[in-house]
Amino acid sequence: MAILVTGSAGRIGSRVVDRLLAEGQTVTGFDLRSAGRSQPGYREIVGAFDDPAAAREAVKDAEAILHLGAFMSWLTADADKVFRANVDGTRILMEEAAGVKPARIVFASSGEVYPENVPDYLPVDENHPLKPRSAYGLSKQLGEEIIRLTERSAGIPATILRFSHTQDAAELLDETSFFSGPRFFLQPKIRQQEAFGNAAAVAALKAVDDGTPALVLSRNENGRPFRMHITDSRDMVDGILLALKSEKAAGRTYNLGATAPVDFADALPLMAQATGLPLKTVDLPGSGVFYETSNARIRAELGFEPQWTIERMIAEAAAARAARAKAG
């Protein structure tokens, strides 16, 4: 099968390409940057999703499209880039796909289409009202509508996957990680909150900063520890390929992610033990991050079963951190 994978140089897309090529599939990668591949059966289009010429070349001869690429940012200044890539880019890609009529489209949406931290009920399932609270979440909701319009108008069966927050296990204990640095490490978190202009949060964090590296256990203003889903990239790839290959998935929408959320009060002490770093507890202004999303539908219908618990991810992260320290 000839399969187009957008976001082919990214964390998830690159691993999907690896798996598809190992299966003997023919793959086209489409991304803003090159993945640097030269394997047989692989071709690459380097360009923006909202470039009609690049999109037209990317979809050529595609029998399936995995639209996994997106621009991710939560900075107000990046809103135009978010909507160009995720809304205009999806629209243009789907307009080109309609002329090719692949057998299946799989679209990577996001849990941010829900109001995750202020849900109507928990756990959040696929029937929960969509009420995004960020430009990124709104861009993904609009992307879903474009996908369903393409399904109705062009007759191309589509599957929408609402992604959990996803990381490589090795990133969890890496201060330089885009996600884990400011989520778990004190000084990167201070820099992140400064960039967001959250003066009260910065003050609370700086109050426990003695200038040495430390982990931070984030709690809300009432002392409730943060809780969220963190899913290993390998589990996400398994879910994507299940959705691609299953006829049951046609026309369906699934939450894709870990079965259990990560309670920071449980995870951060394990991280402190693994790193030897001190753990600082900080109560931050606001209601904080606290949600649970149900993956029951994809487990029941497609047989998805995540393999990477947070404990297993932390153990792998500790080994990766030790290897980085030894290397230099």
C-alpha atoms as a PDB file:
ATOM      1  CA  MET A   1       0.000   0.000   0.000  1.00  0.00           C
ATOM      2  CA  ALA A   2       1.184   3.532  -0.799  1.00  0.00           C
ATOM      3  CA  ILE A   3       0.765   5.636   2.342  1.00  0.00           C
ATOM      4  CA  LEU A   4       1.265   9.371   2.882  1.00  0.00           C
ATOM      5  CA  VAL A   5       2.470  10.313   6.362  1.00  0.00           C
ATOM      6  CA  THR A   6       2.440  13.999   7.236  1.00  0.00           C
ATOM      7  CA  GLY A   7       4.678  15.125  10.071  1.00  0.00           C
ATOM      8  CA  SER A   8       7.100  12.434   8.931  1.00  0.00           C
ATOM      9  CA  ALA A   9      10.120  14.052  10.605  1.00  0.00           C
ATOM     10  CA  GLY A  10       8.363  14.375  13.961  1.00  0.00           C
ATOM     11  CA  ARG A  11       8.304  12.260  17.097  1.00  0.00           C
ATOM     12  CA  ILE A  12       5.269  10.171  16.106  1.00  0.00           C
ATOM     13  CA  GLY A  13       5.412  10.421  12.322  1.00  0.00           C
ATOM     14  CA  SER A  14       9.003   9.197  12.089  1.00  0.00           C
ATOM     15  CA  ARG A  15       8.179   6.100  14.116  1.00  0.00           C
ATOM     16  CA  VAL A  16       5.082   5.405  12.032  1.00  0.00           C
ATOM     17  CA  VAL A  17       7.252   5.615   8.902  1.00  0.00           C
ATOM     18  CA  ASP A  18       9.734   3.173  10.462  1.00  0.00           C
ATOM     19  CA  ARG A  19       6.972   0.661  11.141  1.00  0.00           C
ATOM     20  CA  LEU A  20       5.357   1.013   7.717  1.00  0.00           C
ATOM     21  CA  LEU A  21       8.653   0.595   5.862  1.00  0.00           C
ATOM     22  CA  ALA A  22       9.485  -2.455   7.991  1.00  0.00           C
ATOM     23  CA  GLU A  23       6.162  -3.942   6.849  1.00  0.00           C
ATOM     24  CA  GLY A  24       7.125  -3.386   3.221  1.00  0.00           C
ATOM     25  CA  GLN A  25       4.736  -0.498   2.572  1.00  0.00           C
ATOM     26  CA  THR A  26       5.550   2.344   0.181  1.00  0.00           C
ATOM     27  CA  VAL A  27       5.676   5.626   2.114  1.00  0.00           C
ATOM     28  CA  THR A  28       5.681   9.309   1.211  1.00  0.00           C
ATOM     29  CA  GLY A  29       6.774  11.644   3.989  1.00  0.00           C
ATOM     30  CA  PHE A  30       5.526  15.251   4.029  1.00  0.00           C
ATOM     31  CA  ASP A  31       7.017  17.734   6.482  1.00  0.00           C
ATOM     32  CA  LEU A  32       8.570  21.175   6.738  1.00  0.00           C
ATOM     33  CA  ARG A  33      11.938  19.576   7.370  1.00  0.00           C
ATOM     34  CA  SER A  34      13.654  16.573   5.895  1.00  0.00           C
ATOM     35  CA  ALA A  35      13.824  13.344   7.842  1.00  0.00           C
ATOM     36  CA  GLY A  36      17.119  12.523   6.121  1.00  0.00           C
ATOM     37  CA  ARG A  37      15.970   9.097   4.972  1.00  0.00           C
ATOM     38  CA  SER A  38      17.209   7.176   1.954  1.00  0.00           C
ATOM     39  CA  GLN A  39      15.493   3.803   2.365  1.00  0.00           C
ATOM     40  CA  PRO A  40      13.932   1.949  -0.566  1.00  0.00           C
ATOM     41  CA  GLY A  41      10.214   2.542  -0.790  1.00  0.00           C
ATOM     42  CA  TYR A  42      10.416   6.025   0.723  1.00  0.00           C
ATOM     43  CA  ARG A  43      10.050   9.399  -0.949  1.00  0.00           C
ATOM     44  CA  GLU A  44       9.855  12.782   0.700  1.00  0.00           C
ATOM     45  CA  ILE A  45       8.124  16.083   0.090  1.00  0.00           C
ATOM     46  CA  VAL A  46       9.602  18.974   2.066  1.00  0.00           C
ATOM     47  CA  GLY A  47       7.146  21.841   2.323  1.00  0.00           C
ATOM     48  CA  ALA A  48       4.241  23.430   4.156  1.00  0.00           C
ATOM     49  CA  PHE A  49       0.854  21.749   4.369  1.00  0.00           C
ATOM     50  CA  ASP A  50      -0.822  24.947   3.120  1.00  0.00           C
ATOM     51  CA  ASP A  51       1.293  24.971  -0.073  1.00  0.00           C
ATOM     52  CA  PRO A  52      -1.070  23.584  -2.755  1.00  0.00           C
ATOM     53  CA  ALA A  53       1.744  22.429  -5.042  1.00  0.00           C
ATOM     54  CA  ALA A  54       3.510  20.556  -2.231  1.00  0.00           C
ATOM     55  CA  ALA A  55       0.220  19.040  -1.031  1.00  0.00           C
ATOM     56  CA  ARG A  56      -0.681  17.943  -4.574  1.00  0.00           C
ATOM     57  CA  GLU A  57       2.678  16.211  -4.999  1.00  0.00           C
ATOM     58  CA  ALA A  58       2.431  14.607  -1.551  1.00  0.00           C
ATOM     59  CA  VAL A  59      -0.979  12.972  -2.099  1.00  0.00           C
ATOM     60  CA  LYS A  60      -0.101  11.666  -5.563  1.00  0.00           C
ATOM     61  CA  ASP A  61      -0.923   7.939  -5.771  1.00  0.00           C
ATOM     62  CA  ALA A  62      -1.674   7.737  -2.026  1.00  0.00           C
ATOM     63  CA  GLU A  63      -3.887   4.803  -1.056  1.00  0.00           C
ATOM     64  CA  ALA A  64      -4.076   5.994   2.548  1.00  0.00           C
ATOM     65  CA  ILE A  65      -3.249   9.267   4.302  1.00  0.00           C
ATOM     66  CA  LEU A  66      -2.060   9.533   7.887  1.00  0.00           C
ATOM     67  CA  HIS A  67      -2.323  13.256   8.605  1.00  0.00           C
ATOM     68  CA  LEU A  68      -0.220  13.379  11.767  1.00  0.00           C
ATOM     69  CA  GLY A  69       1.622  16.672  11.299  1.00  0.00           C
ATOM     70  CA  ALA A  70       0.704  19.910  13.041  1.00  0.00           C
ATOM     71  CA  PHE A  71       2.174  23.134  14.359  1.00  0.00           C
ATOM     72  CA  MET A  72       2.089  23.105  18.149  1.00  0.00           C
ATOM     73  CA  SER A  73       2.315  26.301  20.182  1.00  0.00           C
ATOM     74  CA  TRP A  74       0.426  27.922  23.018  1.00  0.00           C
ATOM     75  CA  LEU A  75       1.946  31.377  22.589  1.00  0.00           C
ATOM     76  CA  THR A  76      -0.462  34.104  21.520  1.00  0.00           C
ATOM     77  CA  ALA A  77       2.114  35.367  19.039  1.00  0.00           C
ATOM     78  CA  ASP A  78       2.035  32.018  17.212  1.00  0.00           C
ATOM     79  CA  ALA A  79      -1.738  31.868  16.625  1.00  0.00           C
ATOM     80  CA  ASP A  80      -1.446  32.758  12.922  1.00  0.00           C
ATOM     81  CA  LYS A  81       1.090  29.957  12.387  1.00  0.00           C
ATOM     82  CA  VAL A  82      -1.132  27.509  14.245  1.00  0.00           C
ATOM     83  CA  PHE A  83      -4.171  28.240  12.062  1.00  0.00           C
ATOM     84  CA  ARG A  84      -2.192  28.317   8.797  1.00  0.00           C
ATOM     85  CA  ALA A  85      -0.638  24.917   9.406  1.00  0.00           C
ATOM     86  CA  ASN A  86      -3.469  23.127  11.167  1.00  0.00           C
ATOM     87  CA  VAL A  87      -6.566  24.593   9.519  1.00  0.00           C
ATOM     88  CA  ASP A  88      -5.535  25.949   6.115  1.00  0.00           C
ATOM     89  CA  GLY A  89      -2.990  23.151   5.759  1.00  0.00           C
ATOM     90  CA  THR A  90      -5.578  20.471   6.532  1.00  0.00           C
ATOM     91  CA  ARG A  91      -8.117  22.069   4.183  1.00  0.00           C
ATOM     92  CA  ILE A  92      -5.667  22.243   1.288  1.00  0.00           C
ATOM     93  CA  LEU A  93      -4.378  18.723   1.891  1.00  0.00           C
ATOM     94  CA  MET A  94      -7.939  17.364   1.944  1.00  0.00           C
ATOM     95  CA  GLU A  95      -8.881  19.265  -1.215  1.00  0.00           C
ATOM     96  CA  GLU A  96      -5.990  17.549  -2.979  1.00  0.00           C
ATOM     97  CA  ALA A  97      -6.845  14.202  -1.390  1.00  0.00           C
ATOM     98  CA  ALA A  98     -10.419  14.418  -2.713  1.00  0.00           C
ATOM     99  CA  GLY A  99      -9.059  14.185  -6.247  1.00  0.00           C
ATOM    100  CA  VAL A 100      -7.008  11.093  -5.434  1.00  0.00           C
ATOM    101  CA  LYS A 101      -9.616   9.273  -3.315  1.00  0.00           C
ATOM    102  CA  PRO A 102      -7.436   7.216  -0.965  1.00  0.00           C
ATOM    103  CA  ALA A 103      -9.092   4.279   0.765  1.00  0.00           C
ATOM    104  CA  ARG A 104      -8.649   5.777   4.245  1.00  0.00           C
ATOM    105  CA  ILE A 105      -7.703   8.962   6.052  1.00  0.00           C
ATOM    106  CA  VAL A 106      -6.485   8.936   9.662  1.00  0.00           C
ATOM    107  CA  PHE A 107      -6.318  12.359  11.316  1.00  0.00           C
ATOM    108  CA  ALA A 108      -4.376  13.212  14.451  1.00  0.00           C
ATOM    109  CA  SER A 109      -6.543  15.513  16.510  1.00  0.00           C
ATOM    110  CA  SER A 110      -5.960  16.346  20.179  1.00  0.00           C
ATOM    111  CA  GLY A 111      -7.476  16.062  23.617  1.00  0.00           C
ATOM    112  CA  GLU A 112      -7.357  19.855  23.594  1.00  0.00           C
ATOM    113  CA  VAL A 113     -10.611  19.877  21.638  1.00  0.00           C
ATOM    114  CA  TYR A 114     -12.123  19.162  25.066  1.00  0.00           C
ATOM    115  CA  PRO A 115     -12.008  21.595  27.972  1.00  0.00           C
ATOM    116  CA  GLU A 116      -9.692  19.146  29.720  1.00  0.00           C
ATOM    117  CA  ASN A 117      -9.122  21.116  32.910  1.00  0.00           C
ATOM    118  CA  VAL A 118     -12.751  22.266  33.265  1.00  0.00           C
ATOM    119  CA  PRO A 119     -14.674  19.233  31.947  1.00  0.00           C
ATOM    120  CA  ASP A 120     -18.415  18.718  32.212  1.00  0.00           C
ATOM    121  CA  TYR A 121     -17.635  15.250  33.631  1.00  0.00           C
ATOM    122  CA  LEU A 122     -14.791  12.797  34.156  1.00  0.00           C
ATOM    123  CA  PRO A 123     -13.459  10.710  32.607  1.00  0.00           C
ATOM    124  CA  VAL A 124     -13.740  12.636  29.347  1.00  0.00           C
ATOM    125  CA  ASP A 125     -15.031  10.357  26.597  1.00  0.00           C
ATOM    126  CA  GLU A 126     -15.660  10.931  22.901  1.00  0.00           C
ATOM    127  CA  ASN A 127     -19.207  12.158  23.580  1.00  0.00           C
ATOM    128  CA  HIS A 128     -18.012  15.046  25.719  1.00  0.00           C
ATOM    129  CA  PRO A 129     -18.869  18.468  24.222  1.00  0.00           C
ATOM    130  CA  LEU A 130     -16.005  20.057  22.316  1.00  0.00           C
ATOM    131  CA  LYS A 131     -15.024  23.308  24.024  1.00  0.00           C
ATOM    132  CA  PRO A 132     -11.370  24.058  23.225  1.00  0.00           C
ATOM    133  CA  ARG A 133      -9.662  26.662  25.390  1.00  0.00           C
ATOM    134  CA  SER A 134      -6.578  27.333  23.261  1.00  0.00           C
ATOM    135  CA  ALA A 135      -5.883  28.348  19.678  1.00  0.00           C
ATOM    136  CA  TYR A 136      -4.230  24.974  19.186  1.00  0.00           C
ATOM    137  CA  GLY A 137      -7.307  23.123  20.466  1.00  0.00           C
ATOM    138  CA  LEU A 138      -9.591  25.190  18.250  1.00  0.00           C
ATOM    139  CA  SER A 139      -7.372  24.510  15.231  1.00  0.00           C
ATOM    140  CA  LYS A 140      -7.749  20.794  15.866  1.00  0.00           C
ATOM    141  CA  GLN A 141     -11.526  21.026  16.230  1.00  0.00           C
ATOM    142  CA  LEU A 142     -11.705  22.837  12.895  1.00  0.00           C
ATOM    143  CA  GLY A 143      -9.390  20.219  11.408  1.00  0.00           C
ATOM    144  CA  GLU A 144     -11.815  17.507  12.513  1.00  0.00           C
ATOM    145  CA  GLU A 145     -14.666  19.307  10.750  1.00  0.00           C
ATOM    146  CA  ILE A 146     -12.613  19.514   7.552  1.00  0.00           C
ATOM    147  CA  ILE A 147     -11.874  15.784   7.742  1.00  0.00           C
ATOM    148  CA  ARG A 148     -15.561  14.911   8.187  1.00  0.00           C
ATOM    149  CA  LEU A 149     -16.532  17.256   5.343  1.00  0.00           C
ATOM    150  CA  THR A 150     -14.056  15.429   3.101  1.00  0.00           C
ATOM    151  CA  GLU A 151     -15.518  12.112   4.221  1.00  0.00           C
ATOM    152  CA  ARG A 152     -19.051  13.223   3.343  1.00  0.00           C
ATOM    153  CA  SER A 153     -18.305  15.060   0.114  1.00  0.00           C
ATOM    154  CA  ALA A 154     -15.602  12.828  -1.370  1.00  0.00           C
ATOM    155  CA  GLY A 155     -16.704   9.511   0.103  1.00  0.00           C
ATOM    156  CA  ILE A 156     -13.339   8.799   1.766  1.00  0.00           C
ATOM    157  CA  PRO A 157     -13.681   6.877   5.059  1.00  0.00           C
ATOM    158  CA  ALA A 158     -11.885   8.740   7.852  1.00  0.00           C
ATOM    159  CA  THR A 159     -10.821   8.028  11.406  1.00  0.00           C
ATOM    160  CA  ILE A 160     -10.148  10.793  13.937  1.00  0.00           C
ATOM    161  CA  LEU A 161      -7.755  10.096  16.790  1.00  0.00           C
ATOM    162  CA  ARG A 162      -7.772  12.572  19.671  1.00  0.00           C
ATOM    163  CA  PHE A 163      -4.220  12.309  20.922  1.00  0.00           C
ATOM    164  CA  SER A 164      -3.221  12.263  24.546  1.00  0.00           C
ATOM    165  CA  HIS A 165      -0.138  14.217  25.538  1.00  0.00           C
ATOM    166  CA  THR A 166       2.691  12.121  24.097  1.00  0.00           C
ATOM    167  CA  GLN A 167       6.389  11.786  24.876  1.00  0.00           C
ATOM    168  CA  ASP A 168       9.338   9.531  24.284  1.00  0.00           C
ATOM    169  CA  ALA A 169      10.210   7.907  27.600  1.00  0.00           C
ATOM    170  CA  ALA A 170      13.790   9.204  27.376  1.00  0.00           C
ATOM    171  CA  GLU A 171      12.505  12.787  27.410  1.00  0.00           C
ATOM    172  CA  LEU A 172      10.891  12.555  30.845  1.00  0.00           C
ATOM    173  CA  LEU A 173      14.120  13.249  32.755  1.00  0.00           C
ATOM    174  CA  ASP A 174      15.701  15.612  30.230  1.00  0.00           C
ATOM    175  CA  GLU A 175      15.788  19.247  31.367  1.00  0.00           C
ATOM    176  CA  THR A 176      16.132  20.376  27.744  1.00  0.00           C
ATOM    177  CA  SER A 177      12.972  18.592  26.553  1.00  0.00           C
ATOM    178  CA  PHE A 178      10.354  20.978  25.120  1.00  0.00           C
ATOM    179  CA  PHE A 179       7.639  19.339  27.224  1.00  0.00           C
ATOM    180  CA  SER A 180       9.301  17.639  30.182  1.00  0.00           C
ATOM    181  CA  GLY A 181      11.782  20.396  30.963  1.00  0.00           C
ATOM    182  CA  PRO A 182       9.161  22.941  32.077  1.00  0.00           C
ATOM    183  CA  ARG A 183       6.767  20.285  33.341  1.00  0.00           C
ATOM    184  CA  PHE A 184       9.079  18.559  35.813  1.00  0.00           C
ATOM    185  CA  PHE A 185      12.198  20.723  36.302  1.00  0.00           C
ATOM    186  CA  LEU A 186      12.131  23.887  38.384  1.00  0.00           C
ATOM    187  CA  GLN A 187      14.304  26.301  36.428  1.00  0.00           C
ATOM    188  CA  PRO A 188      12.930  25.387  32.963  1.00  0.00           C
ATOM    189  CA  LYS A 189       9.444  25.836  34.449  1.00  0.00           C
ATOM    190  CA  ILE A 190      10.381  29.317  35.660  1.00  0.00           C
ATOM    191  CA  ARG A 191      11.579  30.237  32.163  1.00  0.00           C
ATOM    192  CA  GLN A 192       8.375  28.868  30.605  1.00  0.00           C
ATOM    193  CA  GLN A 193       6.121  30.824  32.948  1.00  0.00           C
ATOM    194  CA  GLU A 194       8.164  33.978  32.331  1.00  0.00           C
ATOM    195  CA  ALA A 195       7.587  33.515  28.586  1.00  0.00           C
ATOM    196  CA  PHE A 196       3.852  33.128  29.233  1.00  0.00           C
ATOM    197  CA  GLY A 197       3.844  36.290  31.341  1.00  0.00           C
ATOM    198  CA  ASN A 198       2.513  34.475  34.429  1.00  0.00           C
ATOM    199  CA  ALA A 199       4.041  36.721  37.076  1.00  0.00           C
ATOM    200  CA  ALA A 200       2.328  35.089  40.062  1.00  0.00           C
ATOM    201  CA  ALA A 201       3.469  31.618  39.015  1.00  0.00           C
ATOM    202  CA  VAL A 202       7.007  32.889  38.466  1.00  0.00           C
ATOM    203  CA  ALA A 203       7.052  34.401  41.956  1.00  0.00           C
ATOM    204  CA  ALA A 204       5.849  31.148  43.540  1.00  0.00           C
ATOM    205  CA  LEU A 205       8.466  29.111  41.687  1.00  0.00           C
ATOM    206  CA  LYS A 206      11.327  31.512  42.384  1.00  0.00           C
ATOM    207  CA  ALA A 207      10.489  31.400  46.091  1.00  0.00           C
ATOM    208  CA  VAL A 208      11.812  27.797  46.245  1.00  0.00           C
ATOM    209  CA  ASP A 209      14.665  28.213  43.744  1.00  0.00           C
ATOM    210  CA  ASP A 210      18.091  28.237  45.377  1.00  0.00           C
ATOM    211  CA  GLY A 211      19.894  28.268  42.031  1.00  0.00           C
ATOM    212  CA  THR A 212      20.638  24.535  41.914  1.00  0.00           C
ATOM    213  CA  PRO A 213      18.877  21.975  39.688  1.00  0.00           C
ATOM    214  CA  ALA A 214      15.669  20.593  41.155  1.00  0.00           C
ATOM    215  CA  LEU A 215      12.449  18.844  40.227  1.00  0.00           C
ATOM    216  CA  VAL A 216       9.118  20.503  40.926  1.00  0.00           C
ATOM    217  CA  LEU A 217       5.870  18.920  42.054  1.00  0.00           C
ATOM    218  CA  SER A 218       3.201  21.285  40.724  1.00  0.00           C
ATOM    219  CA  ARG A 219      -0.050  21.670  42.634  1.00  0.00           C
ATOM    220  CA  ASN A 220      -2.950  24.054  42.184  1.00  0.00           C
ATOM    221  CA  GLU A 221      -3.752  26.962  44.486  1.00  0.00           C
ATOM    222  CA  ASN A 222      -5.612  24.595  46.831  1.00  0.00           C
ATOM    223  CA  GLY A 223      -2.748  22.116  47.055  1.00  0.00           C
ATOM    224  CA  ARG A 224      -4.152  19.524  44.643  1.00  0.00           C
ATOM    225  CA  PRO A 225      -1.316  17.841  42.681  1.00  0.00           C
ATOM    226  CA  PHE A 226      -1.474  18.031  38.908  1.00  0.00           C
ATOM    227  CA  ARG A 227      -2.802  14.971  37.075  1.00  0.00           C
ATOM    228  CA  MET A 228      -2.805  14.314  33.328  1.00  0.00           C
ATOM    229  CA  HIS A 229      -2.274  11.614  30.739  1.00  0.00           C
ATOM    230  CA  ILE A 230       1.257  11.044  29.436  1.00  0.00           C
ATOM    231  CA  THR A 231       1.471   8.384  26.731  1.00  0.00           C
ATOM    232  CA  ASP A 232       4.595   6.753  25.353  1.00  0.00           C
ATOM    233  CA  SER A 233       5.208   7.346  21.634  1.00  0.00           C
ATOM    234  CA  ARG A 234       5.345   3.611  20.981  1.00  0.00           C
ATOM    235  CA  ASP A 235       1.827   3.092  22.295  1.00  0.00           C
ATOM    236  CA  MET A 236       0.585   5.953  20.117  1.00  0.00           C
ATOM    237  CA  VAL A 237       2.127   4.379  17.020  1.00  0.00           C
ATOM    238  CA  ASP A 238       0.405   1.085  17.827  1.00  0.00           C
ATOM    239  CA  GLY A 239      -2.945   2.901  18.046  1.00  0.00           C
ATOM    240  CA  ILE A 240      -2.434   4.766  14.777  1.00  0.00           C
ATOM    241  CA  LEU A 241      -1.650   1.564  12.881  1.00  0.00           C
ATOM    242  CA  LEU A 242      -4.640  -0.208  14.415  1.00  0.00           C
ATOM    243  CA  ALA A 243      -6.851   2.635  13.178  1.00  0.00           C
ATOM    244  CA  LEU A 244      -5.311   2.471   9.710  1.00  0.00           C
ATOM    245  CA  LYS A 245      -5.753  -1.277   9.314  1.00  0.00           C
ATOM    246  CA  SER A 246      -9.148  -1.839  10.936  1.00  0.00           C
ATOM    247  CA  GLU A 247     -12.324  -1.557   8.913  1.00  0.00           C
ATOM    248  CA  LYS A 248     -14.152  -0.987  12.198  1.00  0.00           C
ATOM    249  CA  ALA A 249     -12.324   2.325  12.571  1.00  0.00           C
ATOM    250  CA  ALA A 250     -13.823   3.862   9.407  1.00  0.00           C
ATOM    251  CA  GLY A 251     -16.002   6.827  10.321  1.00  0.00           C
ATOM    252  CA  ARG A 252     -15.115   6.599  14.007  1.00  0.00           C
ATOM    253  CA  THR A 253     -13.532   8.989  16.501  1.00  0.00           C
ATOM    254  CA  TYR A 254     -11.318   7.701  19.294  1.00  0.00           C
ATOM    255  CA  ASN A 255      -9.429   9.070  22.263  1.00  0.00           C
ATOM    256  CA  LEU A 256      -5.930   7.638  21.871  1.00  0.00           C
ATOM    257  CA  GLY A 257      -3.700   7.531  24.910  1.00  0.00           C
ATOM    258  CA  ALA A 258      -2.693   5.834  28.124  1.00  0.00           C
ATOM    259  CA  THR A 259      -5.416   4.119  30.127  1.00  0.00           C
ATOM    260  CA  ALA A 260      -4.535   5.743  33.464  1.00  0.00           C
ATOM    261  CA  PRO A 261      -3.599   9.374  34.081  1.00  0.00           C
ATOM    262  CA  VAL A 262      -0.325  10.261  35.783  1.00  0.00           C
ATOM    263  CA  ASP A 263      -0.683  11.667  39.284  1.00  0.00           C
ATOM    264  CA  PHE A 264       2.261  14.011  39.808  1.00  0.00           C
ATOM    265  CA  ALA A 265       2.258  13.264  43.545  1.00  0.00           C
ATOM    266  CA  ASP A 266       3.134   9.647  42.677  1.00  0.00           C
ATOM    267  CA  ALA A 267       5.401  10.227  39.668  1.00  0.00           C
ATOM    268  CA  LEU A 268       7.642  13.051  40.929  1.00  0.00           C
ATOM    269  CA  PRO A 269       9.029  11.148  43.936  1.00  0.00           C
ATOM    270  CA  LEU A 270       9.984   8.332  41.544  1.00  0.00           C
ATOM    271  CA  MET A 271      11.725  10.882  39.321  1.00  0.00           C
ATOM    272  CA  ALA A 272      13.556  12.354  42.311  1.00  0.00           C
ATOM    273  CA  GLN A 273      14.715   8.898  43.342  1.00  0.00           C
ATOM    274  CA  ALA A 274      15.891   8.158  39.799  1.00  0.00           C
ATOM    275  CA  THR A 275      17.831  11.431  39.409  1.00  0.00           C
ATOM    276  CA  GLY A 276      18.996  12.198  42.929  1.00  0.00           C
ATOM    277  CA  LEU A 277      17.644  15.730  42.506  1.00  0.00           C
ATOM    278  CA  PRO A 278      15.755  17.526  45.282  1.00  0.00           C
ATOM    279  CA  LEU A 279      11.994  17.788  44.862  1.00  0.00           C
ATOM    280  CA  LYS A 280      10.321  21.139  45.490  1.00  0.00           C
ATOM    281  CA  THR A 281       6.556  21.372  45.948  1.00  0.00           C
ATOM    282  CA  VAL A 282       4.912  24.539  44.611  1.00  0.00           C
ATOM    283  CA  ASP A 283       1.275  25.646  44.752  1.00  0.00           C
ATOM    284  CA  LEU A 284       0.574  27.612  41.584  1.00  0.00           C
ATOM    285  CA  PRO A 285      -2.260  30.111  40.981  1.00  0.00           C
ATOM    286  CA  GLY A 286      -5.427  28.745  39.387  1.00  0.00           C
ATOM    287  CA  SER A 287      -7.166  25.392  39.217  1.00  0.00           C
ATOM    288  CA  GLY A 288      -4.164  23.609  37.711  1.00  0.00           C
ATOM    289  CA  VAL A 289      -3.912  20.628  35.386  1.00  0.00           C
ATOM    290  CA  PHE A 290      -6.257  17.841  36.462  1.00  0.00           C
ATOM    291  CA  TYR A 291      -8.136  15.534  34.115  1.00  0.00           C
ATOM    292  CA  GLU A 292      -8.765  11.955  33.039  1.00  0.00           C
ATOM    293  CA  THR A 293      -9.616  10.872  29.506  1.00  0.00           C
ATOM    294  CA  SER A 294     -11.220   7.537  28.683  1.00  0.00           C
ATOM    295  CA  ASN A 295      -9.707   5.282  26.015  1.00  0.00           C
ATOM    296  CA  ALA A 296     -12.402   2.639  26.551  1.00  0.00           C
ATOM    297  CA  ARG A 297     -13.821   2.958  23.025  1.00  0.00           C
ATOM    298  CA  ILE A 298     -10.588   2.237  21.148  1.00  0.00           C
ATOM    299  CA  ARG A 299      -9.739  -0.571  23.551  1.00  0.00           C
ATOM    300  CA  ALA A 300     -13.139  -2.211  23.059  1.00  0.00           C
ATOM    301  CA  GLU A 301     -13.475  -1.681  19.297  1.00  0.00           C
ATOM    302  CA  LEU A 302      -9.886  -2.036  18.047  1.00  0.00           C
ATOM    303  CA  GLY A 303      -8.158  -3.987  20.819  1.00  0.00           C
ATOM    304  CA  PHE A 304      -5.763  -1.171  21.726  1.00  0.00           C
ATOM    305  CA  GLU A 305      -3.803  -1.936  24.906  1.00  0.00           C
ATOM    306  CA  PRO A 306      -1.065   0.514  25.996  1.00  0.00           C
ATOM    307  CA  GLN A 307       2.103  -1.208  27.191  1.00  0.00           C
ATOM    308  CA  TRP A 308       4.119   1.650  28.672  1.00  0.00           C
ATOM    309  CA  THR A 309       3.117   2.644  32.198  1.00  0.00           C
ATOM    310  CA  ILE A 310       4.605   5.801  33.708  1.00  0.00           C
ATOM    311  CA  GLU A 311       6.749   3.637  36.001  1.00  0.00           C
ATOM    312  CA  ARG A 312       8.186   1.812  33.022  1.00  0.00           C
ATOM    313  CA  MET A 313       8.765   5.107  31.204  1.00  0.00           C
ATOM    314  CA  ILE A 314      10.579   6.622  34.206  1.00  0.00           C
ATOM    315  CA  ALA A 315      12.863   3.586  34.454  1.00  0.00           C
ATOM    316  CA  GLU A 316      13.807   3.976  30.785  1.00  0.00           C
ATOM    317  CA  ALA A 317      14.229   7.742  31.262  1.00  0.00           C
ATOM    318  CA  ALA A 318      16.620   7.156  34.151  1.00  0.00           C
ATOM    319  CA  ALA A 319      18.764   4.848  32.002  1.00  0.00           C
ATOM    320  CA  ALA A 320      18.804   7.435  29.193  1.00  0.00           C
ATOM    321  CA  ARG A 321      19.762  10.208  31.624  1.00  0.00           C
ATOM    322  CA  ALA A 322      22.621   8.108  32.998  1.00  0.00           C
ATOM    323  CA  ALA A 323      23.835   7.415  29.460  1.00  0.00           C
ATOM    324  CA  ARG A 324      23.803  11.146  28.630  1.00  0.00           C
ATOM    325  CA  ALA A 325      25.772  11.940  31.773  1.00  0.00           C
ATOM    326  CA  LYS A 326      28.343   9.260  30.986  1.00  0.00           C
ATOM    327  CA  ALA A 327      28.715  10.521  27.408  1.00  0.00           C
ATOM    328  CA  GLY A 328      29.543  13.934  28.483  1.00  0.00           C
END
